[in-house]
Amino acid sequence: MSYFIDRGYTSLNHVGEELCGDRVECSVNGDVLTAVLCDGMGSGVKANILATLSSKILCTMLSNGIPINDCIETLIASLPVCKVRGVAYATFSVCLIDNDGKGRLIEFDNPAAILIRNGEVSDLPRTKSVICGKNVYTTELALLPGDAIVVTSDGVEHAGIGMMMNFGWERPQIKDYLRRVVKPNMSARAISAALAGECNELYMNEPGDDTTVLGIKVREHQTTSVFVGPPIHKEDDAQYVKDFMALPGKKAVCGGTSSQIVARNLGKEVTTSCEFHDKNIPPIGYIDGIDLTTEGVITVRRVLELSEDYLNPQDCNAAVLNKRDGATLLARMLFEDSTDVNFFVGQSQNHAHDGLPIETRMKLKLIDRLADNLKKMGKHVTVRYN
């Protein structure tokens, strides 16, 4: 059975540095995800260059099936040498995993990855080999739906040194934290944000090391379809709604006119909530058989803003979507709950907007940008225009 391989990461910059010395690079080739976390030596610009070069080289070569020995040889030959230390150094963790949950984890000098399965947190079995004089550890993966792997740079284990903890955050404590905090419905991004956020607390908001958490999770496919705007031709309304409802998974309808079209063709009524959970976002509505009904352009624009935050790896709170306004509810449905998203975008001029600074072109641009951001999150996205 084919699963969805969810991934997400969160990074903290060394205090005083604008660039992070850690780097995450991901690519998908066919049904195989290659995810690389590299930690460049030191911090700041030099570390960022080392990590960026290393992650690009490893991700490109491994995703194209080049053996790990050749990749490491290329890495050693390619990295610039530090004039002070006389070495070119970047640690790495690489996960190659297909849609069946099968794959390999390859680690060099990063902390060993952690497996979360059925609420239990454990180490992964590793096989040691020596490649180009380096100790490299390999794990054969056979993950199940719900399994998550947490990959970190050493900034996680250094969290709190000389501050809240004498010897940093030791591995048993990290595992205990994950055991307590990670819930079955959490996305890879949410897991990474929670762990990185706790590290930031231990660092007292002044990280003494670049800190990155990469989460990879095997998930069952969960589809959400979003109806936005009426079709150009009114006679297409019934078929458009029929196609929308025929898809599996959750349904969201955005916009007053869209809500009326869907409700009419379902033989239902639209009711509106009087609760303003956010004074800037119109209240939600209700249609029997529809999971979420919201206002249109204002709500979608806010969802787009939330998607930008979600994609910002330095935002530890981006995945905390616990407000009850329509935009946050839709964002949670799309970012956290869904693996596959279908947009049904009507291109008719909405006469409800006559005299207002809202154009069909603006709505289309919002949806296109939101779809692009969802793809950056790794979602499978389709956009159907009518």
Protein backbone atom coordinates (compact mmCIF):
# COMPACT_ATOMS: atom_id res chain seq x y z
CA MET A 1 0.00 0.00 0.00
CA SER A 2 1.26 3.49 -0.82
CA TYR A 3 1.59 5.94 2.06
CA PHE A 4 2.35 9.64 2.33
CA ILE A 5 5.83 10.49 3.63
CA ASP A 6 5.44 13.67 5.64
CA ARG A 7 8.45 15.82 6.44
CA GLY A 8 9.07 19.09 8.23
CA TYR A 9 11.87 20.80 10.07
CA THR A 10 12.59 23.63 12.50
CA SER A 11 15.91 25.45 12.97
CA LEU A 12 17.30 27.80 15.61
CA ASN A 13 20.20 30.08 14.70
CA HIS A 14 23.17 30.43 17.02
CA VAL A 15 22.56 33.61 19.04
CA GLY A 16 23.88 36.65 17.19
CA GLU A 17 23.99 34.93 13.79
CA GLU A 18 21.74 35.76 10.84
CA LEU A 19 22.46 32.47 9.07
CA CYS A 20 22.01 28.97 10.42
CA GLY A 21 24.97 26.59 10.32
CA ASP A 22 22.57 23.67 9.81
CA ARG A 23 20.82 22.95 6.54
CA VAL A 24 17.98 20.64 5.49
CA GLU A 25 17.57 19.66 1.85
CA CYS A 26 14.79 17.45 0.47
CA SER A 27 13.96 16.07 -2.96
CA VAL A 28 11.50 13.55 -4.36
CA ASN A 29 12.51 11.27 -7.22
CA GLY A 30 9.69 8.98 -8.28
CA ASP A 31 8.26 7.55 -5.07
CA VAL A 32 11.45 8.04 -3.01
CA LEU A 33 11.99 10.96 -0.64
CA THR A 34 15.59 11.97 0.08
CA ALA A 35 15.93 14.18 3.17
CA VAL A 36 19.33 15.45 4.32
CA LEU A 37 20.28 17.32 7.48
CA CYS A 38 23.83 18.72 7.49
CA ASP A 39 25.59 20.53 10.32
CA GLY A 40 28.48 22.74 9.21
CA MET A 41 31.46 23.19 11.52
CA GLY A 42 31.16 26.23 13.76
CA SER A 43 28.42 28.78 13.17
CA GLY A 44 27.56 31.73 10.98
CA VAL A 45 28.48 32.22 7.34
CA LYS A 46 31.22 29.56 7.09
CA ALA A 47 29.09 26.91 8.75
CA ASN A 48 26.15 27.83 6.53
CA ILE A 49 28.32 27.44 3.39
CA LEU A 50 29.62 24.05 4.55
CA ALA A 51 26.15 22.78 5.42
CA THR A 52 24.58 24.13 2.22
CA LEU A 53 27.22 22.58 -0.04
CA SER A 54 27.12 19.27 1.81
CA SER A 55 23.33 18.97 1.80
CA LYS A 56 23.06 19.89 -1.89
CA ILE A 57 25.75 17.41 -2.92
CA LEU A 58 24.38 14.54 -0.83
CA CYS A 59 20.75 15.13 -1.74
CA THR A 60 21.44 15.40 -5.46
CA MET A 61 23.74 12.40 -5.67
CA LEU A 62 21.84 10.03 -3.37
CA SER A 63 18.46 10.85 -4.90
CA ASN A 64 19.93 9.79 -8.24
CA GLY A 65 21.08 6.43 -6.90
CA ILE A 66 24.82 7.13 -6.55
CA PRO A 67 26.47 4.89 -3.87
CA ILE A 68 27.17 6.50 -0.50
CA ASN A 69 30.94 5.82 -0.81
CA ASP A 70 31.09 7.93 -3.97
CA CYS A 71 28.98 10.64 -2.35
CA ILE A 72 31.31 10.95 0.64
CA GLU A 73 34.38 11.01 -1.58
CA THR A 74 32.82 13.82 -3.61
CA LEU A 75 31.88 15.63 -0.39
CA ILE A 76 35.43 15.50 0.99
CA ALA A 77 36.87 16.70 -2.31
CA SER A 78 34.34 19.52 -2.68
CA LEU A 79 34.20 21.19 0.73
CA PRO A 80 36.39 24.25 1.34
CA VAL A 81 39.09 23.77 3.97
CA CYS A 82 38.99 25.93 7.11
CA LYS A 83 42.25 27.93 7.33
CA VAL A 84 42.15 27.90 11.14
CA ARG A 85 41.39 24.23 11.79
CA GLY A 86 42.82 22.87 8.57
CA VAL A 87 39.80 20.63 7.94
CA ALA A 88 36.59 20.76 5.97
CA TYR A 89 33.90 19.42 8.21
CA ALA A 90 30.16 18.89 8.00
CA THR A 91 28.23 16.14 9.74
CA PHE A 92 25.13 14.67 8.13
CA SER A 93 22.07 12.48 8.46
CA VAL A 94 20.35 11.18 5.33
CA CYS A 95 16.98 9.46 5.10
CA LEU A 96 15.93 7.75 1.87
CA ILE A 97 12.40 6.39 2.12
CA ASP A 98 9.78 5.26 -0.39
CA ASN A 99 5.99 5.41 -0.25
CA ASP A 100 5.85 1.94 1.32
CA GLY A 101 7.89 3.12 4.32
CA LYS A 102 10.98 1.20 3.19
CA GLY A 103 14.39 2.81 3.00
CA ARG A 104 17.71 3.60 4.67
CA LEU A 105 19.03 6.03 7.24
CA ILE A 106 22.69 7.02 6.86
CA GLU A 107 24.37 8.97 9.66
CA PHE A 108 27.78 10.54 10.12
CA ASP A 109 28.64 12.28 13.41
CA ASN A 110 25.13 13.65 14.01
CA PRO A 111 23.20 12.41 17.07
CA ALA A 112 21.52 9.08 16.36
CA ALA A 113 17.96 9.43 15.06
CA ILE A 114 15.03 8.51 17.29
CA LEU A 115 12.01 6.36 16.36
CA ILE A 116 8.51 7.12 17.64
CA ARG A 117 6.08 4.22 17.26
CA ASN A 118 2.73 3.72 19.00
CA GLY A 119 3.62 6.25 21.70
CA GLU A 120 6.93 4.56 22.46
CA VAL A 121 10.29 6.23 21.81
CA SER A 122 13.35 4.13 21.00
CA ASP A 123 16.73 4.01 19.31
CA LEU A 124 17.15 2.53 15.85
CA PRO A 125 19.48 -0.43 15.18
CA ARG A 126 22.61 0.80 13.37
CA THR A 127 25.35 -0.93 11.40
CA LYS A 128 28.79 0.68 11.42
CA SER A 129 31.02 0.89 8.36
CA VAL A 130 34.19 2.85 7.56
CA ILE A 131 34.01 4.96 4.39
CA CYS A 132 36.96 7.15 3.40
CA GLY A 133 38.23 6.87 6.96
CA LYS A 134 34.90 8.02 8.42
CA ASN A 135 32.62 6.00 10.69
CA VAL A 136 29.25 5.91 8.96
CA TYR A 137 26.16 4.27 10.45
CA THR A 138 23.36 2.74 8.40
CA THR A 139 19.86 1.66 9.42
CA GLU A 140 17.50 -0.31 7.18
CA LEU A 141 14.03 1.16 7.56
CA ALA A 142 10.66 -0.61 7.44
CA LEU A 143 8.29 1.99 8.83
CA LEU A 144 4.58 1.59 9.53
CA PRO A 145 1.77 4.17 9.27
CA GLY A 146 2.06 6.53 12.23
CA ASP A 147 5.79 5.94 12.70
CA ALA A 148 7.96 9.03 12.96
CA ILE A 149 11.73 9.47 12.83
CA VAL A 150 13.29 12.46 14.57
CA VAL A 151 16.68 13.55 13.20
CA THR A 152 18.63 16.30 14.98
CA SER A 153 21.82 18.30 14.87
CA ASP A 154 23.95 18.31 18.03
CA GLY A 155 22.45 21.64 19.11
CA VAL A 156 19.58 19.63 20.61
CA GLU A 157 21.88 17.71 22.94
CA HIS A 158 23.76 20.93 23.79
CA ALA A 159 20.57 22.73 24.83
CA GLY A 160 20.84 24.29 28.28
CA ILE A 161 24.57 23.73 28.81
CA GLY A 162 25.73 26.18 31.47
CA MET A 163 22.21 27.57 31.75
CA MET A 164 19.35 25.37 32.87
CA MET A 165 21.38 22.14 32.67
CA ASN A 166 25.00 21.47 33.56
CA PHE A 167 25.63 18.88 30.88
CA GLY A 168 23.07 19.79 28.27
CA TRP A 169 19.91 17.89 27.39
CA GLU A 170 20.86 14.25 27.69
CA ARG A 171 19.42 11.68 25.33
CA PRO A 172 17.14 9.91 27.88
CA GLN A 173 15.60 13.29 28.72
CA ILE A 174 15.04 14.10 25.04
CA LYS A 175 13.35 10.75 24.51
CA ASP A 176 11.19 11.24 27.60
CA TYR A 177 10.12 14.67 26.31
CA LEU A 178 9.11 13.21 22.95
CA ARG A 179 7.24 10.39 24.69
CA ARG A 180 5.21 12.92 26.69
CA VAL A 181 4.58 15.54 24.03
CA VAL A 182 4.16 13.81 20.66
CA LYS A 183 0.55 12.87 19.89
CA PRO A 184 -0.64 10.46 17.16
CA ASN A 185 -2.18 13.23 15.04
CA MET A 186 0.88 15.51 15.03
CA SER A 187 2.51 16.25 11.68
CA ALA A 188 6.26 16.02 11.10
CA ARG A 189 6.45 19.82 11.20
CA ALA A 190 4.58 19.95 14.51
CA ILE A 191 6.90 17.34 16.05
CA SER A 192 9.99 19.23 14.92
CA ALA A 193 8.60 22.56 16.15
CA ALA A 194 7.75 21.15 19.58
CA LEU A 195 11.24 19.71 20.14
CA ALA A 196 13.04 22.79 18.77
CA GLY A 197 10.81 25.05 20.84
CA GLU A 198 11.75 23.18 24.00
CA CYS A 199 15.43 23.52 23.06
CA ASN A 200 14.90 27.26 22.70
CA GLU A 201 13.42 27.35 26.20
CA LEU A 202 16.42 25.49 27.59
CA TYR A 203 18.72 27.93 25.81
CA MET A 204 16.65 30.75 27.42
CA ASN A 205 15.96 32.08 23.90
CA GLU A 206 19.67 32.50 23.21
CA PRO A 207 20.82 29.29 21.46
CA GLY A 208 24.49 28.60 22.06
CA ASP A 209 24.57 26.34 19.01
CA ASP A 210 22.72 26.00 15.73
CA THR A 211 19.87 23.62 16.44
CA THR A 212 17.78 21.75 13.87
CA VAL A 213 15.10 19.09 14.19
CA LEU A 214 13.92 17.19 11.10
CA GLY A 215 10.80 15.08 11.41
CA ILE A 216 9.81 12.35 8.95
CA LYS A 217 6.49 10.57 9.40
CA VAL A 218 4.63 7.83 7.52
CA ARG A 219 0.96 8.72 7.15
CA GLU A 220 -2.17 7.31 5.58
CA HIS A 221 -3.45 9.58 2.81
CA GLN A 222 -5.96 12.17 4.01
CA THR A 223 -7.70 14.26 1.36
CA THR A 224 -9.32 17.67 1.70
CA SER A 225 -11.25 19.34 -1.13
CA VAL A 226 -11.86 23.10 -1.09
CA PHE A 227 -14.62 24.81 -3.10
CA VAL A 228 -13.79 28.47 -3.79
CA GLY A 229 -16.00 30.66 -5.98
CA PRO A 230 -18.84 30.00 -8.43
CA PRO A 231 -18.21 28.49 -11.89
CA ILE A 232 -18.29 30.80 -14.90
CA HIS A 233 -21.50 29.24 -16.24
CA LYS A 234 -24.36 28.85 -13.80
CA GLU A 235 -25.55 25.72 -15.58
CA ASP A 236 -22.29 24.04 -14.48
CA ASP A 237 -23.07 24.53 -10.77
CA ALA A 238 -24.75 21.15 -10.23
CA GLN A 239 -22.03 19.09 -11.94
CA TYR A 240 -19.29 21.08 -10.20
CA VAL A 241 -20.81 20.39 -6.78
CA LYS A 242 -21.35 16.73 -7.71
CA ASP A 243 -17.68 16.33 -8.69
CA PHE A 244 -16.63 18.14 -5.49
CA MET A 245 -18.71 15.89 -3.24
CA ALA A 246 -17.63 12.71 -5.07
CA LEU A 247 -14.04 13.02 -3.85
CA PRO A 248 -13.06 11.23 -0.63
CA GLY A 249 -12.10 12.99 2.57
CA LYS A 250 -13.00 16.32 4.14
CA LYS A 251 -14.81 19.17 2.42
CA ALA A 252 -14.38 22.92 2.92
CA VAL A 253 -16.36 25.69 1.19
CA CYS A 254 -15.05 29.26 1.10
CA GLY A 255 -17.26 32.23 0.27
CA GLY A 256 -20.87 33.22 0.73
CA THR A 257 -21.92 32.63 -2.89
CA SER A 258 -20.01 29.32 -2.96
CA SER A 259 -21.81 28.25 0.21
CA GLN A 260 -25.20 29.03 -1.30
CA ILE A 261 -24.37 27.07 -4.48
CA VAL A 262 -23.20 24.01 -2.54
CA ALA A 263 -26.11 24.10 -0.09
CA ARG A 264 -28.71 24.53 -2.85
CA ASN A 265 -27.38 21.60 -4.85
CA LEU A 266 -27.22 19.42 -1.74
CA GLY A 267 -30.74 20.37 -0.70
CA LYS A 268 -29.41 21.87 2.53
CA GLU A 269 -29.41 25.25 4.24
CA VAL A 270 -26.56 27.53 5.26
CA THR A 271 -26.52 28.75 8.85
CA THR A 272 -24.02 31.32 10.13
CA SER A 273 -22.27 31.51 13.48
CA CYS A 274 -22.45 34.78 15.40
CA GLU A 275 -19.16 34.12 17.21
CA PHE A 276 -16.16 36.26 16.25
CA HIS A 277 -13.11 34.32 17.42
CA ASP A 278 -10.92 36.84 15.58
CA LYS A 279 -12.23 40.35 14.93
CA ASN A 280 -10.40 40.42 11.59
CA ILE A 281 -11.84 37.15 10.27
CA PRO A 282 -15.57 36.75 9.46
CA PRO A 283 -17.38 34.00 11.41
CA ILE A 284 -17.81 30.52 9.99
CA GLY A 285 -20.99 28.97 8.68
CA TYR A 286 -22.48 25.48 8.67
CA ILE A 287 -23.79 23.21 5.90
CA ASP A 288 -24.87 19.67 6.71
CA GLY A 289 -22.36 17.32 5.05
CA ILE A 290 -19.60 19.96 4.78
CA ASP A 291 -16.75 19.89 7.31
CA LEU A 292 -15.97 23.62 7.23
CA THR A 293 -17.74 26.62 5.74
CA THR A 294 -15.99 30.01 5.77
CA GLU A 295 -16.03 33.47 4.21
CA GLY A 296 -13.99 33.79 1.02
CA VAL A 297 -11.16 36.16 0.12
CA ILE A 298 -10.39 37.59 3.58
CA THR A 299 -10.19 34.11 5.06
CA VAL A 300 -8.11 32.66 2.21
CA ARG A 301 -5.69 35.61 2.42
CA ARG A 302 -5.18 34.90 6.12
CA VAL A 303 -4.63 31.19 5.39
CA LEU A 304 -1.94 32.21 2.89
CA GLU A 305 -0.25 34.32 5.59
CA LEU A 306 -0.36 31.38 8.00
CA SER A 307 1.18 29.14 5.31
CA GLU A 308 4.14 31.54 5.03
CA ASP A 309 4.65 31.26 8.81
CA TYR A 310 4.31 27.47 8.65
CA LEU A 311 7.04 27.29 6.00
CA ASN A 312 9.40 29.48 8.03
CA PRO A 313 11.74 26.95 9.68
CA GLN A 314 12.64 29.41 12.44
CA ASP A 315 9.05 29.70 13.66
CA CYS A 316 8.58 27.22 16.51
CA ASN A 317 4.91 28.17 16.94
CA ALA A 318 3.81 27.93 13.30
CA ALA A 319 2.20 24.52 13.75
CA VAL A 320 0.24 25.57 16.85
CA LEU A 321 -3.06 26.18 15.08
CA ASN A 322 -5.46 26.09 17.99
CA LYS A 323 -7.58 29.22 17.44
CA ARG A 324 -11.20 28.80 16.42
CA ASP A 325 -11.58 31.38 13.64
CA GLY A 326 -12.32 30.20 10.10
CA ALA A 327 -8.84 30.90 8.73
CA THR A 328 -7.05 28.96 11.47
CA LEU A 329 -9.51 26.05 11.21
CA LEU A 330 -8.93 25.87 7.45
CA ALA A 331 -5.18 26.21 7.88
CA ARG A 332 -5.12 23.33 10.34
CA MET A 333 -7.21 21.21 7.99
CA LEU A 334 -4.83 21.89 5.08
CA PHE A 335 -1.41 22.04 6.81
CA GLU A 336 -1.75 19.51 9.63
CA ASP A 337 -4.56 17.11 8.77
CA SER A 338 -4.24 16.74 5.00
CA THR A 339 -1.76 14.99 2.74
CA ASP A 340 -3.69 15.62 -0.51
CA VAL A 341 -5.54 18.84 -1.33
CA ASN A 342 -7.95 19.50 -4.23
CA PHE A 343 -9.04 23.06 -5.04
CA PHE A 344 -12.24 23.68 -7.02
CA VAL A 345 -11.86 27.27 -8.16
CA GLY A 346 -14.77 29.00 -9.88
CA GLN A 347 -13.74 31.88 -12.11
CA SER A 348 -17.07 33.66 -12.36
CA GLN A 349 -17.19 37.32 -11.38
CA ASN A 350 -18.88 37.29 -7.98
CA HIS A 351 -21.62 39.96 -8.07
CA ALA A 352 -21.65 39.96 -4.28
CA HIS A 353 -18.35 41.85 -4.61
CA ASP A 354 -19.66 44.53 -6.97
CA GLY A 355 -18.35 47.89 -5.79
CA LEU A 356 -15.73 46.26 -3.55
CA PRO A 357 -11.94 46.08 -4.22
CA ILE A 358 -12.14 42.30 -4.72
CA GLU A 359 -11.53 40.84 -8.14
CA THR A 360 -11.61 37.32 -9.50
CA ARG A 361 -7.98 37.77 -10.51
CA MET A 362 -7.03 38.49 -6.89
CA LYS A 363 -8.77 35.32 -5.69
CA LEU A 364 -7.00 33.23 -8.32
CA LYS A 365 -3.63 34.63 -7.31
CA LEU A 366 -4.31 33.85 -3.66
CA ILE A 367 -5.23 30.24 -4.48
CA ASP A 368 -2.20 29.81 -6.78
CA ARG A 369 0.16 31.06 -4.07
CA LEU A 370 -1.51 28.93 -1.41
CA ALA A 371 -1.28 25.86 -3.67
CA ASP A 372 2.43 26.55 -4.23
CA ASN A 373 3.03 26.78 -0.48
CA LEU A 374 1.17 23.53 0.13
CA LYS A 375 3.41 21.87 -2.47
CA LYS A 376 6.45 23.23 -0.61
CA MET A 377 5.10 21.46 2.48
CA GLY A 378 5.18 18.26 0.43
CA LYS A 379 1.41 18.01 -0.11
CA HIS A 380 -0.09 16.53 -3.27
CA VAL A 381 -2.10 19.44 -4.72
CA THR A 382 -4.47 19.74 -7.68
CA VAL A 383 -6.26 22.90 -8.78
CA ARG A 384 -9.34 22.64 -11.00
CA TYR A 385 -10.64 25.81 -12.61
CA ASN A 386 -14.14 26.31 -13.97
